[in-house]
Amino acid sequence: MKTFTKYFFIFWFFAFLLFAYWQLNDPDPEIWIPVYLVAALFSALAVKGKHPLIPLGIVIAACIVGAIYFYPESVSDWVNYELAQKDLSMKTQESEEARETFGLLIIAVVMSVSAFVGWRKNQPQKNP
């Protein structure tokens, strides 16, 4: 299990760095680059076996609040629009906000895994 979580967080460390790099072309990179770099930082800490529960909780809560704020009016309309568009360029502000919503949800899920691992690590061991 420890090996799986280590590789899980190594994958997300590099993925979040890549996501931060892709934000250089974003209309508001000053917001999204730090968001993904913070996620990469917590992933790197998780690789080292460090899972600071309170900061992780703050990041998870902030991501969920942000995802609710940016959540598209209709997910199915957004998905159909993306499929019809056939490229990843930003055509509308709504499509950009929908993508940001799912980026925040990805961060929240990955950070929740880290928080769970940290919580389990802090639980007293049961003797059989």
Protein backbone atom coordinates (compact mmCIF):
# COMPACT_ATOMS: atom_id res chain seq x y z
CA MET A 1 0.00 0.00 0.00
CA LYS A 2 2.82 2.41 0.83
CA THR A 3 4.37 1.89 -2.60
CA PHE A 4 1.06 2.58 -4.36
CA THR A 5 0.47 5.84 -2.49
CA LYS A 6 4.04 6.95 -3.12
CA TYR A 7 3.68 6.46 -6.88
CA PHE A 8 0.17 7.95 -6.79
CA PHE A 9 1.52 11.17 -5.32
CA ILE A 10 4.59 11.18 -7.59
CA PHE A 11 2.22 11.04 -10.57
CA TRP A 12 0.11 13.92 -9.23
CA PHE A 13 3.19 15.97 -8.34
CA PHE A 14 4.27 15.96 -11.98
CA ALA A 15 0.70 16.34 -13.25
CA PHE A 16 0.13 19.45 -11.11
CA LEU A 17 3.43 20.92 -12.30
CA LEU A 18 2.29 20.32 -15.87
CA PHE A 19 -1.10 21.89 -15.12
CA ALA A 20 0.68 24.95 -13.67
CA TYR A 21 2.80 25.21 -16.83
CA TRP A 22 -0.30 25.06 -19.04
CA GLN A 23 -1.74 27.99 -17.10
CA LEU A 24 0.89 30.30 -18.61
CA ASN A 25 -1.52 30.80 -21.55
CA ASP A 26 -4.52 31.28 -19.26
CA PRO A 27 -6.25 34.68 -19.06
CA ASP A 28 -5.57 34.74 -15.29
CA PRO A 29 -2.34 32.78 -14.68
CA GLU A 30 -1.61 34.70 -11.46
CA ILE A 31 -4.51 32.81 -9.86
CA TRP A 32 -4.17 29.33 -11.33
CA ILE A 33 -0.40 28.81 -11.39
CA PRO A 34 -0.14 29.19 -7.58
CA VAL A 35 -3.19 26.93 -7.12
CA TYR A 36 -1.52 24.10 -9.03
CA LEU A 37 1.88 24.76 -7.44
CA VAL A 38 0.32 24.44 -3.97
CA ALA A 39 -1.22 21.13 -5.06
CA ALA A 40 2.19 20.01 -6.36
CA LEU A 41 3.79 21.03 -3.05
CA PHE A 42 1.32 18.97 -1.00
CA SER A 43 1.81 16.05 -3.39
CA ALA A 44 5.59 16.28 -2.87
CA LEU A 45 5.05 16.31 0.89
CA ALA A 46 2.85 13.23 0.55
CA VAL A 47 5.61 11.45 -1.38
CA LYS A 48 7.85 12.11 1.63
CA GLY A 49 5.17 10.68 3.94
CA LYS A 50 4.11 14.05 5.35
CA HIS A 51 0.38 14.78 5.40
CA PRO A 52 -0.32 18.02 7.35
CA LEU A 53 -4.01 17.56 8.11
CA ILE A 54 -5.02 21.14 8.94
CA PRO A 55 -3.41 22.75 5.86
CA LEU A 56 -4.78 19.92 3.71
CA GLY A 57 -8.24 20.55 5.14
CA ILE A 58 -7.98 24.24 4.28
CA VAL A 59 -6.89 23.45 0.70
CA ILE A 60 -9.67 20.87 0.27
CA ALA A 61 -12.31 23.29 1.58
CA ALA A 62 -11.01 26.14 -0.61
CA CYS A 63 -11.07 23.90 -3.70
CA ILE A 64 -14.62 22.74 -3.01
CA VAL A 65 -15.81 26.33 -2.47
CA GLY A 66 -14.05 27.41 -5.68
CA ALA A 67 -15.51 24.49 -7.63
CA ILE A 68 -19.01 25.40 -6.45
CA TYR A 69 -18.41 29.02 -7.45
CA PHE A 70 -17.17 28.11 -10.96
CA TYR A 71 -19.53 25.15 -11.48
CA PRO A 72 -21.14 25.34 -14.96
CA GLU A 73 -24.90 25.78 -15.22
CA SER A 74 -25.20 22.60 -17.23
CA VAL A 75 -22.45 19.99 -17.23
CA SER A 76 -24.01 18.14 -20.17
CA ASP A 77 -24.16 21.35 -22.24
CA TRP A 78 -20.52 22.03 -21.42
CA VAL A 79 -19.42 18.49 -22.34
CA ASN A 80 -21.38 18.64 -25.62
CA TYR A 81 -19.84 22.04 -26.38
CA GLU A 82 -16.32 20.69 -25.76
CA LEU A 83 -16.98 17.66 -27.96
CA ALA A 84 -18.37 19.81 -30.78
CA GLN A 85 -15.47 22.25 -30.52
CA LYS A 86 -12.88 19.47 -31.14
CA ASP A 87 -9.97 21.46 -29.69
CA LEU A 88 -8.90 22.67 -26.28
CA SER A 89 -8.69 26.37 -27.05
CA MET A 90 -10.76 28.66 -24.88
CA LYS A 91 -13.69 29.99 -26.90
CA THR A 92 -15.86 31.29 -24.06
CA GLN A 93 -15.41 32.33 -20.46
CA GLU A 94 -17.97 29.70 -19.44
CA SER A 95 -15.89 26.87 -20.92
CA GLU A 96 -12.79 28.15 -19.12
CA GLU A 97 -14.64 28.33 -15.80
CA ALA A 98 -16.02 24.82 -16.29
CA ARG A 99 -12.49 23.50 -16.83
CA GLU A 100 -11.29 25.35 -13.74
CA THR A 101 -14.10 23.73 -11.76
CA PHE A 102 -12.90 20.27 -12.64
CA GLY A 103 -9.27 21.22 -11.96
CA LEU A 104 -10.28 22.29 -8.46
CA LEU A 105 -12.22 19.06 -7.97
CA ILE A 106 -9.18 17.01 -9.03
CA ILE A 107 -7.05 18.88 -6.49
CA ALA A 108 -9.69 18.34 -3.78
CA VAL A 109 -9.81 14.59 -4.48
CA VAL A 110 -6.02 14.15 -4.51
CA MET A 111 -5.61 16.23 -1.34
CA SER A 112 -8.41 14.21 0.28
CA VAL A 113 -6.44 11.03 -0.41
CA SER A 114 -3.42 12.63 1.27
CA ALA A 115 -5.53 13.71 4.24
CA PHE A 116 -6.97 10.21 4.57
CA VAL A 117 -3.52 8.62 4.45
CA GLY A 118 -2.31 11.11 7.08
CA TRP A 119 -5.34 10.47 9.27
CA ARG A 120 -4.83 6.70 9.05
CA LYS A 121 -1.16 7.14 9.87
CA ASN A 122 -2.08 9.05 13.05
CA GLN A 123 -4.55 6.41 14.28
CA PRO A 124 -3.36 4.21 17.15
CA GLN A 125 -2.31 0.74 16.04
CA LYS A 126 -4.57 -2.13 17.13
CA ASN A 127 -2.88 -5.17 18.60
CA PRO A 128 -4.57 -8.45 17.56
